[in-house]
């Protein structure tokens, strides 16, 4: 399962022609100020260390903080998640923290992912953005942020017929999409992927440019 190589390499050539330094290019660096990735990565890695889960109240507050400060999460979802966390009972709060801790640190990531989805489903908040944003900041070169529109467009434009997007988050789709992104970025210049979020941004720009040129 992989992106159409011809389209990917054409997108790479077009991007580097316009931004020779990739994401380090001055123009791209200026655009990148809208998405302070480095600051968010630092915040996530400091907030969700292995020891941090012992203080479940602070951990939950930090989850809300990261979601609220993220430039990649919808303005509609931020207050909903904040209010959801506020309403959690102590046991539910501990359950959520343990689920995220498993997703970030333990070998059985699926257990944490599924547990988090089950909890979010209780108030119809099982959204791709809410379950994938913290891992994307915590492990920026391994994990992926799944933005529905982007994921669907990537699958369609880069011709990945074996991968079918579903609005309800599943571990199966997440791992397949993560593998797809990590495999694709290895085929292009490293300046296009200082993080997986940046690489997704490159794919978004490539697709937008392709649509404009039609």
Foldseek 3Di string as FASTA:
>chain_A
DEFQVVLLVVLQVVQCVVQVLACVRPVNVVVCVLFPLVVLLVLLQVCQPLVNLVPLVSNLVSLLVSQLPGPPHDPVLSVVSVVLLVPDDPVLSNQLSVLVNCCQPNPPNQSSLVSNLVSCVVVPRQFQQSSQVSNCSNAFAQFDRDDPVLVVCSCVVRPVVVQDDDGRDHPVNRVVVSVHLNVSCVSHDVSQPPGSHSVSVSVVVSSVVVVVVD
